Protein backbone atom coordinates (compact mmCIF):
# COMPACT_ATOMS: atom_id res chain seq x y z
CA MET A 1 0.00 0.00 0.00
CA ALA A 2 2.80 2.45 0.93
CA GLU A 3 4.56 1.63 -2.32
CA ARG A 4 1.37 2.32 -4.28
CA VAL A 5 0.93 5.70 -2.56
CA ARG A 6 4.54 6.66 -3.34
CA ARG A 7 3.97 5.83 -7.00
CA ARG A 8 1.03 8.24 -7.15
CA LEU A 9 3.00 11.17 -5.70
CA PRO A 10 4.52 13.60 -8.23
CA ARG A 11 8.09 12.64 -9.00
CA THR A 12 9.37 16.02 -10.19
CA ARG A 13 9.94 19.14 -8.13
CA ARG A 14 7.50 21.05 -10.32
CA GLY A 15 4.88 18.36 -9.87
CA ARG A 16 5.32 18.36 -6.10
CA ARG A 17 5.07 22.17 -6.06
CA ARG A 18 1.82 22.02 -8.02
CA ALA A 19 0.46 19.41 -5.64
CA VAL A 20 1.26 21.62 -2.65
CA TRP A 21 -0.40 24.64 -4.29
CA ALA A 22 -3.45 22.52 -5.10
CA VAL A 23 -3.75 21.51 -1.45
CA VAL A 24 -3.33 25.12 -0.30
CA ALA A 25 -5.92 26.33 -2.81
CA GLY A 26 -8.34 23.65 -1.65
CA CYS A 27 -7.90 24.69 1.98
CA VAL A 28 -8.45 28.36 1.12
CA LEU A 29 -11.61 27.57 -0.82
CA ALA A 30 -12.89 25.40 2.02
CA LEU A 31 -12.35 28.24 4.52
CA LEU A 32 -13.94 31.00 2.41
CA PRO A 33 -17.51 30.27 3.61
CA VAL A 34 -16.37 30.35 7.26
CA THR A 35 -14.60 33.65 6.61
CA TRP A 36 -17.76 35.08 5.01
CA VAL A 37 -19.90 33.99 7.98
CA TYR A 38 -17.59 35.68 10.47
CA ALA A 39 -17.16 38.84 8.40
CA ALA A 40 -20.92 39.20 7.90
CA ALA A 41 -21.91 38.49 11.47
CA GLU A 42 -19.17 39.36 13.96
CA PRO A 43 -20.11 43.07 14.34
CA ARG A 44 -23.66 42.05 15.27
CA VAL A 45 -22.86 39.59 18.08
CA ARG A 46 -23.67 41.09 21.49
CA ASP A 47 -24.37 39.99 25.04
CA LEU A 48 -27.72 40.19 26.81
CA ARG A 49 -27.05 43.62 28.26
CA SER A 50 -25.72 45.34 25.14
CA VAL A 51 -27.92 43.85 22.44
CA PRO A 52 -30.22 46.47 20.87
CA ALA A 53 -33.94 46.14 21.46
CA ALA A 54 -36.07 44.60 18.70
CA PRO A 55 -39.71 43.62 18.38
CA VAL A 56 -38.98 39.89 18.17
CA ALA A 57 -36.56 37.38 19.65
CA MET A 58 -35.92 34.30 17.50
CA VAL A 59 -34.91 31.13 19.34
CA PHE A 60 -33.62 28.25 17.21
CA GLY A 61 -34.34 24.65 18.16
CA ALA A 62 -31.52 22.52 19.57
CA GLY A 63 -33.03 19.15 20.35
CA LEU A 64 -35.29 17.57 22.97
CA TRP A 65 -34.56 15.10 25.74
CA GLU A 66 -37.64 13.01 26.54
CA GLY A 67 -39.90 15.75 25.23
CA ARG A 68 -38.20 18.57 27.14
CA PRO A 69 -35.65 21.08 25.83
CA SER A 70 -32.08 19.79 25.85
CA PRO A 71 -29.65 21.68 28.12
CA TYR A 72 -28.36 23.65 25.13
CA LEU A 73 -31.88 24.61 24.07
CA ALA A 74 -32.79 25.46 27.67
CA HIS A 75 -29.87 27.94 27.79
CA ARG A 76 -31.20 29.63 24.67
CA LEU A 77 -34.70 29.83 26.12
CA ASP A 78 -33.40 31.21 29.43
CA ALA A 79 -31.73 34.01 27.47
CA ALA A 80 -35.01 34.72 25.67
CA VAL A 81 -36.79 34.94 29.03
CA GLU A 82 -34.21 37.49 30.18
CA LEU A 83 -34.63 39.52 27.01
CA TYR A 84 -38.41 39.56 27.41
CA LYS A 85 -38.36 40.48 31.10
CA ALA A 86 -35.80 43.22 30.45
CA GLY A 87 -38.09 44.76 27.82
CA LYS A 88 -35.58 44.14 25.01
CA VAL A 89 -38.16 42.16 22.99
CA ARG A 90 -41.95 42.01 22.99
CA VAL A 91 -42.54 38.67 21.24
CA VAL A 92 -40.60 35.40 21.10
CA LEU A 93 -40.64 33.36 17.89
CA VAL A 94 -39.64 29.76 18.58
CA THR A 95 -38.56 27.92 15.46
CA GLY A 96 -37.83 24.22 15.29
CA ASP A 97 -38.65 20.77 14.00
CA ASN A 98 -42.12 19.24 14.15
CA SER A 99 -41.75 16.96 11.15
CA ARG A 100 -43.22 14.01 13.05
CA ALA A 101 -45.99 13.80 15.63
CA GLU A 102 -43.81 12.46 18.43
CA TYR A 103 -41.19 15.21 18.09
CA ASP A 104 -42.34 18.78 18.67
CA GLU A 105 -39.61 21.31 19.42
CA PRO A 106 -41.75 24.49 19.18
CA ASP A 107 -44.40 23.33 21.66
CA ALA A 108 -41.73 22.17 24.11
CA MET A 109 -40.04 25.56 23.75
CA ARG A 110 -43.34 27.38 24.29
CA ALA A 111 -44.06 25.37 27.45
CA TYR A 112 -40.60 26.15 28.83
CA LEU A 113 -41.03 29.88 28.22
CA THR A 114 -44.51 30.13 29.70
CA GLU A 115 -43.43 28.18 32.80
CA ARG A 116 -40.85 30.94 33.36
CA GLY A 117 -43.18 33.88 33.01
CA VAL A 118 -43.42 34.71 29.30
CA PRO A 119 -47.15 35.07 28.50
CA ASP A 120 -48.45 32.44 26.11
CA ASP A 121 -49.82 35.08 23.74
CA ARG A 122 -46.33 36.54 23.37
CA VAL A 123 -44.92 33.25 22.04
CA VAL A 124 -45.30 32.38 18.35
CA SER A 125 -44.39 28.95 16.99
CA ASP A 126 -42.81 28.07 13.67
CA PHE A 127 -43.24 24.32 13.27
CA ALA A 128 -41.22 24.07 10.04
CA GLY A 129 -37.86 25.49 11.08
CA PHE A 130 -36.05 22.39 9.85
CA ASP A 131 -32.67 24.11 9.53
CA THR A 132 -31.22 27.57 10.03
CA TRP A 133 -31.98 28.83 6.53
CA ASP A 134 -35.57 27.58 6.70
CA SER A 135 -36.02 29.31 10.06
CA CYS A 136 -34.62 32.61 8.76
CA THR A 137 -36.41 32.74 5.43
CA ARG A 138 -39.72 31.61 6.96
CA ALA A 139 -39.40 34.25 9.69
CA ALA A 140 -39.17 36.88 6.95
CA ARG A 141 -41.48 35.44 4.29
CA VAL A 142 -44.14 33.70 6.40
CA PHE A 143 -44.15 35.62 9.69
CA GLY A 144 -43.18 39.05 8.39
CA VAL A 145 -40.22 39.54 10.75
CA ARG A 146 -38.07 42.49 9.71
CA LYS A 147 -36.02 43.13 12.85
CA ALA A 148 -35.05 40.61 15.51
CA VAL A 149 -32.66 39.47 18.21
CA LEU A 150 -31.42 35.97 17.44
CA VAL A 151 -30.62 33.61 20.30
CA SER A 152 -28.34 30.60 19.98
CA GLN A 153 -25.00 29.20 21.22
CA GLY A 154 -21.83 31.04 20.32
CA PHE A 155 -20.71 28.45 17.78
CA HIS A 156 -23.98 28.83 15.80
CA ILE A 157 -25.02 32.46 16.24
CA ARG A 158 -22.82 33.90 13.48
CA ARG A 159 -24.19 31.54 10.86
CA ALA A 160 -27.72 32.37 12.02
CA LEU A 161 -26.97 36.09 11.72
CA ALA A 162 -25.45 35.74 8.26
CA LEU A 163 -28.43 33.74 6.99
CA CYS A 164 -31.09 35.93 8.56
CA GLY A 165 -29.32 38.93 7.05
CA ALA A 166 -29.46 37.23 3.64
CA ALA A 167 -33.17 36.58 4.23
CA GLY A 168 -33.78 40.31 4.75
CA ILE A 169 -33.92 40.51 8.55
CA ASP A 170 -32.10 43.29 10.40
CA ALA A 171 -30.75 41.18 13.26
CA HIS A 172 -28.36 41.22 16.17
CA GLY A 173 -27.47 38.04 17.98
CA VAL A 174 -26.87 36.80 21.49
CA GLY A 175 -24.46 33.89 21.72
CA VAL A 176 -25.35 32.28 25.04
CA ASP A 177 -22.70 30.66 27.21
CA ALA A 178 -22.48 26.90 27.56
CA VAL A 179 -20.09 24.35 28.99
CA HIS A 180 -17.35 23.62 26.46
CA ASP A 181 -18.04 19.89 26.40
CA VAL A 182 -18.04 17.34 23.59
CA THR A 183 -21.30 18.76 22.23
CA TRP A 184 -19.80 22.26 22.08
CA TYR A 185 -16.71 21.17 20.17
CA ALA A 186 -18.75 18.94 17.87
CA GLY A 187 -21.02 21.89 17.14
CA GLY A 188 -18.04 24.08 16.38
CA ALA A 189 -16.57 21.50 14.02
CA ARG A 190 -19.93 21.10 12.30
CA GLU A 191 -20.05 24.84 11.61
CA VAL A 192 -17.04 24.57 9.31
CA PHE A 193 -19.03 22.29 7.01
CA ALA A 194 -22.38 24.01 7.58
CA SER A 195 -20.87 27.32 6.50
CA GLY A 196 -20.52 25.98 2.97
CA LYS A 197 -24.25 25.27 2.75
CA ALA A 198 -24.96 28.64 4.38
CA ALA A 199 -22.96 30.48 1.74
CA LEU A 200 -24.84 28.62 -1.00
CA ASP A 201 -28.21 29.35 0.62
CA ALA A 202 -27.32 33.04 0.93
CA LEU A 203 -26.27 33.15 -2.73
CA VAL A 204 -29.17 31.15 -4.23
CA ARG A 205 -31.81 32.01 -1.58
CA PRO A 206 -33.94 28.90 -2.13
CA GLY A 207 -37.43 28.57 -0.75
CA PRO A 208 -37.81 26.65 2.51
CA ARG A 209 -38.84 23.01 2.45
CA PHE A 210 -42.30 24.16 3.50
CA LEU A 211 -43.38 27.72 2.74
CA GLY A 212 -47.11 27.81 3.30
CA PRO A 213 -49.33 30.89 3.60
CA HIS A 214 -48.63 34.05 5.55
CA GLU A 215 -48.90 33.54 9.33
CA PRO A 216 -50.17 36.60 11.24
CA GLY A 217 -49.08 35.32 14.67
CA VAL A 218 -46.15 37.72 15.13
CA GLU A 219 -48.17 40.73 13.95
CA ARG A 220 -51.07 39.91 16.30
CA ALA A 221 -48.76 39.33 19.25
CA LEU A 222 -47.04 42.67 18.64
CA GLN A 223 -50.39 44.44 18.35
CA ASP A 224 -51.54 42.88 21.63
CA ALA A 225 -48.25 43.86 23.27
CA GLY A 226 -48.73 47.43 22.02
CA ARG A 227 -52.19 47.53 23.59
CA GLY A 228 -50.81 46.18 26.86
CA ARG A 229 -52.92 43.05 26.72
């Protein structure tokens, strides 16, 4: 096997130089989407205290454990509760996966928020937020969101900001803290590959897997909040 590999390597200095440049070029191309994500989003990442106010907070799904939000999702929802109670946002849009009857991220997220003091009529559910692009483009195209605070973990928030910006949403993001465990590092590694799809989505701007009609939930919740109901 080693002999076969040696035979495939360029034998001339020029050939080896070309091979090295090809590897370097491949690495640069692979890192371009990550660079774009950071350049597009870094100025808009804030903490809970410094993030500008917006009508809506968007919380992205992050998995359930036995029907309840996973620890990572719970951290996101806790941040949304803080934003709401501080008056930074008036409505919370929870966006996640409900592609099968036994798995319902948005309803689990709603229950978590209402248990912690966010009124039920201030929570709006997007049941077809199957990935970050779907969540962002549906927020804009289906729910009419134009300005928002995005809530996610630090390793994901920049991609969410870049994609929501491409979808037409004026957004700032809160990257919530989390223990830097195996899940954290796996999420960070995944972002390198997910950035490639994000760059393609931002360029092509495809429709979501499920578009559906306009949903007035965010508008109604904001109107009710404006009336103090």
